[in-house]
Amino acid sequence: MKETNSNTSRLLALADQPLGRASGSVPARFQGVKIASLLTQELVALLDAKNGFYAFDSALLLRPRSSGEPPLGISQWNANALWKNNYKMDLSGVLCFAEDVFGGQFCAKDDAVSYFEPETGELTTVANSIDDWARWILDEHELKTGAPIAHAWQRKHGPLKPGKRLLPSVPFVLGGKYVIENLYEIDDVEGMRFRASIANQLEGVPDGANIQLSLKPNR
């Protein structure tokens, strides 16, 4: 990065080795999502510096530009037919580039970075630039990425495999606990598709209302 004291540089210093080879190209799908030019420039610069990485005990994943092998690249991950079209809401204008250990997505949408909650389908703005997003992560990386529980789970079960995330047996939105006993390893695509079914069933349901969900996790 240009500024050695930038938040993105600080995050890069804490990250593992790059997941992909250095490349000057930008995937077509990346170019196809309309986001602010500043976000585009900053994300490209981040990927130029390190083309995808894991950090904080594999809790944070920044996807590489393009990869057909797990973990999938930004180009492949944002293909609408992979998992996005399982959600009722339109996610075609949302570019998911990173995620926490539970598969919660960090996305570029319009002129901001947002967090996409897979179980509810809610998008919450967390930063106005990639560098601000890096600062937001670094300020509370344990909370923002799930690093402590990722560390504890892997101490018991072994390293998370590429392309795998941790899902709760009892969904968090239904009161599931953030404890290793409630977590299991799942393919990231299967995890997103499963949570889409939960989010779709919850759409339009008022807070506190009784609802009977159909839960069929892929395990």
C-alpha atoms as a PDB file:
ATOM      1  CA  MET A   1       0.000   0.000   0.000  1.00  0.00           C
ATOM      2  CA  LYS A   2       1.174   3.556  -0.563  1.00  0.00           C
ATOM      3  CA  GLU A   3       0.917   4.664   3.064  1.00  0.00           C
ATOM      4  CA  THR A   4       2.973   2.393   5.302  1.00  0.00           C
ATOM      5  CA  ASN A   5       1.009   3.498   8.366  1.00  0.00           C
ATOM      6  CA  SER A   6      -2.422   2.970   6.778  1.00  0.00           C
ATOM      7  CA  ASN A   7      -4.951   0.661   8.379  1.00  0.00           C
ATOM      8  CA  THR A   8      -4.814  -1.645   5.381  1.00  0.00           C
ATOM      9  CA  SER A   9      -1.038  -1.912   5.778  1.00  0.00           C
ATOM     10  CA  ARG A  10      -1.486  -2.781   9.452  1.00  0.00           C
ATOM     11  CA  LEU A  11      -3.979  -5.486   8.531  1.00  0.00           C
ATOM     12  CA  LEU A  12      -1.690  -6.863   5.821  1.00  0.00           C
ATOM     13  CA  ALA A  13       1.146  -7.119   8.344  1.00  0.00           C
ATOM     14  CA  LEU A  14      -1.012  -9.420  10.484  1.00  0.00           C
ATOM     15  CA  ALA A  15      -2.217 -11.581   7.591  1.00  0.00           C
ATOM     16  CA  ASP A  16      -0.943 -14.962   6.452  1.00  0.00           C
ATOM     17  CA  GLN A  17       0.694 -15.606   3.092  1.00  0.00           C
ATOM     18  CA  PRO A  18      -1.222 -14.613  -0.089  1.00  0.00           C
ATOM     19  CA  LEU A  19      -3.698 -17.169  -1.386  1.00  0.00           C
ATOM     20  CA  GLY A  20      -3.233 -16.276  -5.035  1.00  0.00           C
ATOM     21  CA  ARG A  21      -0.428 -15.192  -7.304  1.00  0.00           C
ATOM     22  CA  ALA A  22       0.129 -11.512  -7.968  1.00  0.00           C
ATOM     23  CA  SER A  23      -1.954 -10.368 -10.906  1.00  0.00           C
ATOM     24  CA  GLY A  24      -2.675  -7.037 -12.523  1.00  0.00           C
ATOM     25  CA  SER A  25      -6.009  -8.161 -13.936  1.00  0.00           C
ATOM     26  CA  VAL A  26      -9.412  -7.494 -12.435  1.00  0.00           C
ATOM     27  CA  PRO A  27     -12.097 -10.197 -12.858  1.00  0.00           C
ATOM     28  CA  ALA A  28     -15.035  -9.314 -15.074  1.00  0.00           C
ATOM     29  CA  ARG A  29     -17.478  -9.919 -12.249  1.00  0.00           C
ATOM     30  CA  PHE A  30     -15.570  -7.439 -10.096  1.00  0.00           C
ATOM     31  CA  GLN A  31     -15.931  -4.844 -12.832  1.00  0.00           C
ATOM     32  CA  GLY A  32     -19.596  -5.693 -13.324  1.00  0.00           C
ATOM     33  CA  VAL A  33     -20.704  -4.619  -9.837  1.00  0.00           C
ATOM     34  CA  LYS A  34     -21.320  -0.888  -9.634  1.00  0.00           C
ATOM     35  CA  ILE A  35     -19.490   0.434  -6.575  1.00  0.00           C
ATOM     36  CA  ALA A  36     -17.805   3.744  -5.870  1.00  0.00           C
ATOM     37  CA  SER A  37     -14.530   4.336  -7.685  1.00  0.00           C
ATOM     38  CA  LEU A  38     -12.705   4.894  -4.384  1.00  0.00           C
ATOM     39  CA  LEU A  39     -13.765   1.472  -3.122  1.00  0.00           C
ATOM     40  CA  THR A  40     -12.736  -0.091  -6.418  1.00  0.00           C
ATOM     41  CA  GLN A  41      -9.314   1.554  -6.312  1.00  0.00           C
ATOM     42  CA  GLU A  42      -8.707   0.648  -2.677  1.00  0.00           C
ATOM     43  CA  LEU A  43      -9.805  -2.963  -3.110  1.00  0.00           C
ATOM     44  CA  VAL A  44      -7.615  -3.357  -6.182  1.00  0.00           C
ATOM     45  CA  ALA A  45      -4.678  -1.863  -4.246  1.00  0.00           C
ATOM     46  CA  LEU A  46      -5.295  -4.259  -1.344  1.00  0.00           C
ATOM     47  CA  LEU A  47      -5.343  -7.234  -3.695  1.00  0.00           C
ATOM     48  CA  ASP A  48      -2.234  -5.926  -5.447  1.00  0.00           C
ATOM     49  CA  ALA A  49      -0.446  -5.925  -2.094  1.00  0.00           C
ATOM     50  CA  LYS A  50      -1.656  -9.399  -1.109  1.00  0.00           C
ATOM     51  CA  ASN A  51      -3.931 -11.382  -3.407  1.00  0.00           C
ATOM     52  CA  GLY A  52      -6.191 -12.905  -0.769  1.00  0.00           C
ATOM     53  CA  PHE A  53      -5.295 -14.065   2.723  1.00  0.00           C
ATOM     54  CA  TYR A  54      -6.423 -15.559   6.008  1.00  0.00           C
ATOM     55  CA  ALA A  55      -5.824 -13.704   9.272  1.00  0.00           C
ATOM     56  CA  PHE A  56      -6.556 -14.127  12.976  1.00  0.00           C
ATOM     57  CA  ASP A  57      -6.508 -17.946  13.145  1.00  0.00           C
ATOM     58  CA  SER A  58      -8.267 -18.211   9.772  1.00  0.00           C
ATOM     59  CA  ALA A  59     -11.242 -16.277  11.159  1.00  0.00           C
ATOM     60  CA  LEU A  60     -10.936 -13.499   8.574  1.00  0.00           C
ATOM     61  CA  LEU A  61     -10.777 -14.439   4.920  1.00  0.00           C
ATOM     62  CA  LEU A  62     -10.031 -11.932   2.171  1.00  0.00           C
ATOM     63  CA  ARG A  63     -10.735 -13.765  -1.054  1.00  0.00           C
ATOM     64  CA  PRO A  64      -8.208 -13.608  -3.900  1.00  0.00           C
ATOM     65  CA  ARG A  65      -9.153 -12.016  -7.211  1.00  0.00           C
ATOM     66  CA  SER A  66      -9.915 -15.282  -8.972  1.00  0.00           C
ATOM     67  CA  SER A  67      -9.667 -18.927  -7.973  1.00  0.00           C
ATOM     68  CA  GLY A  68     -11.652 -21.989  -8.965  1.00  0.00           C
ATOM     69  CA  GLU A  69     -10.244 -23.905  -5.995  1.00  0.00           C
ATOM     70  CA  PRO A  70     -11.267 -23.378  -2.351  1.00  0.00           C
ATOM     71  CA  PRO A  71     -11.345 -20.750  -1.123  1.00  0.00           C
ATOM     72  CA  LEU A  72     -13.038 -19.421  -4.238  1.00  0.00           C
ATOM     73  CA  GLY A  73     -11.937 -16.072  -5.624  1.00  0.00           C
ATOM     74  CA  ILE A  74     -13.990 -12.877  -5.651  1.00  0.00           C
ATOM     75  CA  SER A  75     -14.920 -13.482  -9.282  1.00  0.00           C
ATOM     76  CA  GLN A  76     -16.292 -16.976  -8.630  1.00  0.00           C
ATOM     77  CA  TRP A  77     -17.826 -16.217  -5.222  1.00  0.00           C
ATOM     78  CA  ASN A  78     -19.969 -13.388  -6.584  1.00  0.00           C
ATOM     79  CA  ALA A  79     -21.466 -15.404  -9.418  1.00  0.00           C
ATOM     80  CA  ASN A  80     -25.208 -14.986  -8.876  1.00  0.00           C
ATOM     81  CA  ALA A  81     -25.983 -18.664  -9.475  1.00  0.00           C
ATOM     82  CA  LEU A  82     -23.534 -19.881  -6.821  1.00  0.00           C
ATOM     83  CA  TRP A  83     -25.535 -18.815  -3.735  1.00  0.00           C
ATOM     84  CA  LYS A  84     -26.794 -15.243  -4.123  1.00  0.00           C
ATOM     85  CA  ASN A  85     -29.883 -16.215  -6.071  1.00  0.00           C
ATOM     86  CA  ASN A  86     -30.954 -18.446  -3.173  1.00  0.00           C
ATOM     87  CA  TYR A  87     -31.894 -15.254  -1.322  1.00  0.00           C
ATOM     88  CA  LYS A  88     -35.165 -13.501  -2.118  1.00  0.00           C
ATOM     89  CA  MET A  89     -33.453 -10.101  -1.968  1.00  0.00           C
ATOM     90  CA  ASP A  90     -31.447  -8.904  -4.954  1.00  0.00           C
ATOM     91  CA  LEU A  91     -27.721  -9.224  -4.214  1.00  0.00           C
ATOM     92  CA  SER A  92     -26.464  -8.664  -7.748  1.00  0.00           C
ATOM     93  CA  GLY A  93     -25.160  -5.188  -6.840  1.00  0.00           C
ATOM     94  CA  VAL A  94     -23.304  -6.398  -3.758  1.00  0.00           C
ATOM     95  CA  LEU A  95     -19.649  -7.409  -4.097  1.00  0.00           C
ATOM     96  CA  CYS A  96     -18.632  -9.813  -1.310  1.00  0.00           C
ATOM     97  CA  PHE A  97     -14.859  -9.741  -0.902  1.00  0.00           C
ATOM     98  CA  ALA A  98     -14.183 -10.984   2.644  1.00  0.00           C
ATOM     99  CA  GLU A  99     -15.883 -12.837   5.496  1.00  0.00           C
ATOM    100  CA  ASP A 100     -15.700 -13.762   9.166  1.00  0.00           C
ATOM    101  CA  VAL A 101     -15.364 -17.323  10.464  1.00  0.00           C
ATOM    102  CA  PHE A 102     -19.154 -17.801  10.442  1.00  0.00           C
ATOM    103  CA  GLY A 103     -19.471 -16.789   6.798  1.00  0.00           C
ATOM    104  CA  GLY A 104     -20.769 -13.296   7.534  1.00  0.00           C
ATOM    105  CA  GLN A 105     -19.915 -11.317   4.408  1.00  0.00           C
ATOM    106  CA  PHE A 106     -18.010  -8.050   4.107  1.00  0.00           C
ATOM    107  CA  CYS A 107     -19.264  -6.376   0.948  1.00  0.00           C
ATOM    108  CA  ALA A 108     -18.794  -3.348  -1.237  1.00  0.00           C
ATOM    109  CA  LYS A 109     -22.163  -1.822  -2.061  1.00  0.00           C
ATOM    110  CA  ASP A 110     -22.553   1.537  -3.763  1.00  0.00           C
ATOM    111  CA  ASP A 111     -20.179   3.888  -1.914  1.00  0.00           C
ATOM    112  CA  ALA A 112     -19.673   1.957   1.349  1.00  0.00           C
ATOM    113  CA  VAL A 113     -18.517  -1.297   2.910  1.00  0.00           C
ATOM    114  CA  SER A 114     -21.332  -3.271   4.500  1.00  0.00           C
ATOM    115  CA  TYR A 115     -21.716  -6.430   6.569  1.00  0.00           C
ATOM    116  CA  PHE A 116     -24.158  -9.007   5.213  1.00  0.00           C
ATOM    117  CA  GLU A 117     -25.709 -11.201   7.914  1.00  0.00           C
ATOM    118  CA  PRO A 118     -26.466 -14.544   6.194  1.00  0.00           C
ATOM    119  CA  GLU A 119     -29.149 -15.699   8.649  1.00  0.00           C
ATOM    120  CA  THR A 120     -31.291 -12.572   8.280  1.00  0.00           C
ATOM    121  CA  GLY A 121     -30.213 -11.116   4.942  1.00  0.00           C
ATOM    122  CA  GLU A 122     -29.587  -7.743   6.600  1.00  0.00           C
ATOM    123  CA  LEU A 123     -26.968  -5.362   5.213  1.00  0.00           C
ATOM    124  CA  THR A 124     -25.351  -2.969   7.691  1.00  0.00           C
ATOM    125  CA  THR A 125     -22.926  -0.228   6.650  1.00  0.00           C
ATOM    126  CA  VAL A 126     -19.673  -0.481   8.630  1.00  0.00           C
ATOM    127  CA  ALA A 127     -17.208   1.778   6.774  1.00  0.00           C
ATOM    128  CA  ASN A 128     -16.935   4.347   4.003  1.00  0.00           C
ATOM    129  CA  SER A 129     -13.705   3.013   2.517  1.00  0.00           C
ATOM    130  CA  ILE A 130     -11.569  -0.133   2.474  1.00  0.00           C
ATOM    131  CA  ASP A 131      -9.051   1.547   4.774  1.00  0.00           C
ATOM    132  CA  ASP A 132     -11.824   2.461   7.226  1.00  0.00           C
ATOM    133  CA  TRP A 133     -13.033  -1.143   7.034  1.00  0.00           C
ATOM    134  CA  ALA A 134      -9.538  -2.335   7.954  1.00  0.00           C
ATOM    135  CA  ARG A 135      -9.541   0.043  10.933  1.00  0.00           C
ATOM    136  CA  TRP A 136     -13.025  -1.184  11.931  1.00  0.00           C
ATOM    137  CA  ILE A 137     -11.713  -4.772  11.887  1.00  0.00           C
ATOM    138  CA  LEU A 138      -8.508  -3.966  13.760  1.00  0.00           C
ATOM    139  CA  ASP A 139     -10.263  -1.998  16.498  1.00  0.00           C
ATOM    140  CA  GLU A 140     -12.135  -5.125  17.630  1.00  0.00           C
ATOM    141  CA  HIS A 141     -10.815  -7.978  15.517  1.00  0.00           C
ATOM    142  CA  GLU A 142     -11.814 -10.666  18.018  1.00  0.00           C
ATOM    143  CA  LEU A 143     -15.454  -9.578  17.930  1.00  0.00           C
ATOM    144  CA  LYS A 144     -15.555  -8.643  14.238  1.00  0.00           C
ATOM    145  CA  THR A 145     -14.002 -11.878  12.916  1.00  0.00           C
ATOM    146  CA  GLY A 146     -14.802 -14.520  15.557  1.00  0.00           C
ATOM    147  CA  ALA A 147     -11.086 -15.162  16.119  1.00  0.00           C
ATOM    148  CA  PRO A 148     -11.268 -16.511  19.723  1.00  0.00           C
ATOM    149  CA  ILE A 149     -13.902 -19.116  18.882  1.00  0.00           C
ATOM    150  CA  ALA A 150     -12.092 -19.996  15.662  1.00  0.00           C
ATOM    151  CA  HIS A 151      -8.932 -20.598  17.694  1.00  0.00           C
ATOM    152  CA  ALA A 152     -10.758 -22.696  20.308  1.00  0.00           C
ATOM    153  CA  TRP A 153     -12.614 -24.774  17.701  1.00  0.00           C
ATOM    154  CA  GLN A 154      -9.423 -25.529  15.775  1.00  0.00           C
ATOM    155  CA  ARG A 155      -7.536 -26.495  18.919  1.00  0.00           C
ATOM    156  CA  LYS A 156     -10.163 -29.202  19.441  1.00  0.00           C
ATOM    157  CA  HIS A 157     -10.935 -30.259  15.871  1.00  0.00           C
ATOM    158  CA  GLY A 158      -7.874 -29.290  13.843  1.00  0.00           C
ATOM    159  CA  PRO A 159      -7.356 -26.551  11.224  1.00  0.00           C
ATOM    160  CA  LEU A 160     -10.284 -25.337   9.164  1.00  0.00           C
ATOM    161  CA  LYS A 161      -9.979 -26.698   5.644  1.00  0.00           C
ATOM    162  CA  PRO A 162      -9.844 -24.272   2.691  1.00  0.00           C
ATOM    163  CA  GLY A 163     -13.336 -23.251   1.650  1.00  0.00           C
ATOM    164  CA  LYS A 164     -14.846 -24.196   5.018  1.00  0.00           C
ATOM    165  CA  ARG A 165     -16.544 -22.002   7.612  1.00  0.00           C
ATOM    166  CA  LEU A 166     -18.183 -22.638  11.001  1.00  0.00           C
ATOM    167  CA  LEU A 167     -21.966 -22.786  11.239  1.00  0.00           C
ATOM    168  CA  PRO A 168     -24.105 -23.071  14.372  1.00  0.00           C
ATOM    169  CA  SER A 169     -26.213 -26.201  14.831  1.00  0.00           C
ATOM    170  CA  VAL A 170     -28.787 -23.918  16.434  1.00  0.00           C
ATOM    171  CA  PRO A 171     -28.766 -20.738  14.303  1.00  0.00           C
ATOM    172  CA  PHE A 172     -27.664 -17.585  16.105  1.00  0.00           C
ATOM    173  CA  VAL A 173     -30.855 -15.813  15.070  1.00  0.00           C
ATOM    174  CA  LEU A 174     -32.803 -18.490  16.978  1.00  0.00           C
ATOM    175  CA  GLY A 175     -30.739 -18.115  20.135  1.00  0.00           C
ATOM    176  CA  GLY A 176     -27.846 -20.411  19.276  1.00  0.00           C
ATOM    177  CA  LYS A 177     -24.761 -19.843  21.424  1.00  0.00           C
ATOM    178  CA  TYR A 178     -21.357 -18.694  20.243  1.00  0.00           C
ATOM    179  CA  VAL A 179     -19.636 -21.771  21.712  1.00  0.00           C
ATOM    180  CA  ILE A 180     -17.652 -24.517  19.992  1.00  0.00           C
ATOM    181  CA  GLU A 181     -20.210 -27.144  21.030  1.00  0.00           C
ATOM    182  CA  ASN A 182     -22.753 -25.374  18.806  1.00  0.00           C
ATOM    183  CA  LEU A 183     -20.470 -25.148  15.767  1.00  0.00           C
ATOM    184  CA  TYR A 184     -19.613 -27.469  12.916  1.00  0.00           C
ATOM    185  CA  GLU A 185     -17.483 -27.172   9.791  1.00  0.00           C
ATOM    186  CA  ILE A 186     -19.306 -26.796   6.478  1.00  0.00           C
ATOM    187  CA  ASP A 187     -18.544 -25.950   2.869  1.00  0.00           C
ATOM    188  CA  ASP A 188     -18.878 -22.185   2.486  1.00  0.00           C
ATOM    189  CA  VAL A 189     -21.292 -22.383  -0.469  1.00  0.00           C
ATOM    190  CA  GLU A 190     -23.540 -24.896   1.291  1.00  0.00           C
ATOM    191  CA  GLY A 191     -23.491 -22.701   4.381  1.00  0.00           C
ATOM    192  CA  MET A 192     -24.680 -19.643   2.465  1.00  0.00           C
ATOM    193  CA  ARG A 193     -27.438 -21.577   0.715  1.00  0.00           C
ATOM    194  CA  PHE A 194     -28.669 -22.986   4.015  1.00  0.00           C
ATOM    195  CA  ARG A 195     -28.732 -19.568   5.679  1.00  0.00           C
ATOM    196  CA  ALA A 196     -30.606 -18.212   2.664  1.00  0.00           C
ATOM    197  CA  SER A 197     -33.456 -20.579   3.485  1.00  0.00           C
ATOM    198  CA  ILE A 198     -33.555 -19.173   7.027  1.00  0.00           C
ATOM    199  CA  ALA A 199     -33.435 -15.540   5.876  1.00  0.00           C
ATOM    200  CA  ASN A 200     -36.184 -16.144   3.324  1.00  0.00           C
ATOM    201  CA  GLN A 201     -38.469 -17.648   5.955  1.00  0.00           C
ATOM    202  CA  LEU A 202     -37.811 -14.746   8.325  1.00  0.00           C
ATOM    203  CA  GLU A 203     -38.440 -12.044   5.730  1.00  0.00           C
ATOM    204  CA  GLY A 204     -41.295  -9.807   6.819  1.00  0.00           C
ATOM    205  CA  VAL A 205     -41.734 -11.524  10.197  1.00  0.00           C
ATOM    206  CA  PRO A 206     -42.036  -8.934  13.019  1.00  0.00           C
ATOM    207  CA  ASP A 207     -39.592  -9.088  15.937  1.00  0.00           C
ATOM    208  CA  GLY A 208     -40.901 -11.330  18.695  1.00  0.00           C
ATOM    209  CA  ALA A 209     -43.403 -13.123  16.480  1.00  0.00           C
ATOM    210  CA  ASN A 210     -43.750 -16.900  16.723  1.00  0.00           C
ATOM    211  CA  ILE A 211     -42.594 -18.758  13.645  1.00  0.00           C
ATOM    212  CA  GLN A 212     -41.863 -22.371  12.796  1.00  0.00           C
ATOM    213  CA  LEU A 213     -38.812 -22.658  10.582  1.00  0.00           C
ATOM    214  CA  SER A 214     -37.865 -25.536   8.354  1.00  0.00           C
ATOM    215  CA  LEU A 215     -34.198 -26.215   9.117  1.00  0.00           C
ATOM    216  CA  LYS A 216     -32.389 -28.656   6.878  1.00  0.00           C
ATOM    217  CA  PRO A 217     -28.649 -28.010   7.198  1.00  0.00           C
ATOM    218  CA  ASN A 218     -26.258 -29.671   4.767  1.00  0.00           C
ATOM    219  CA  ARG A 219     -23.948 -31.691   6.980  1.00  0.00           C
END
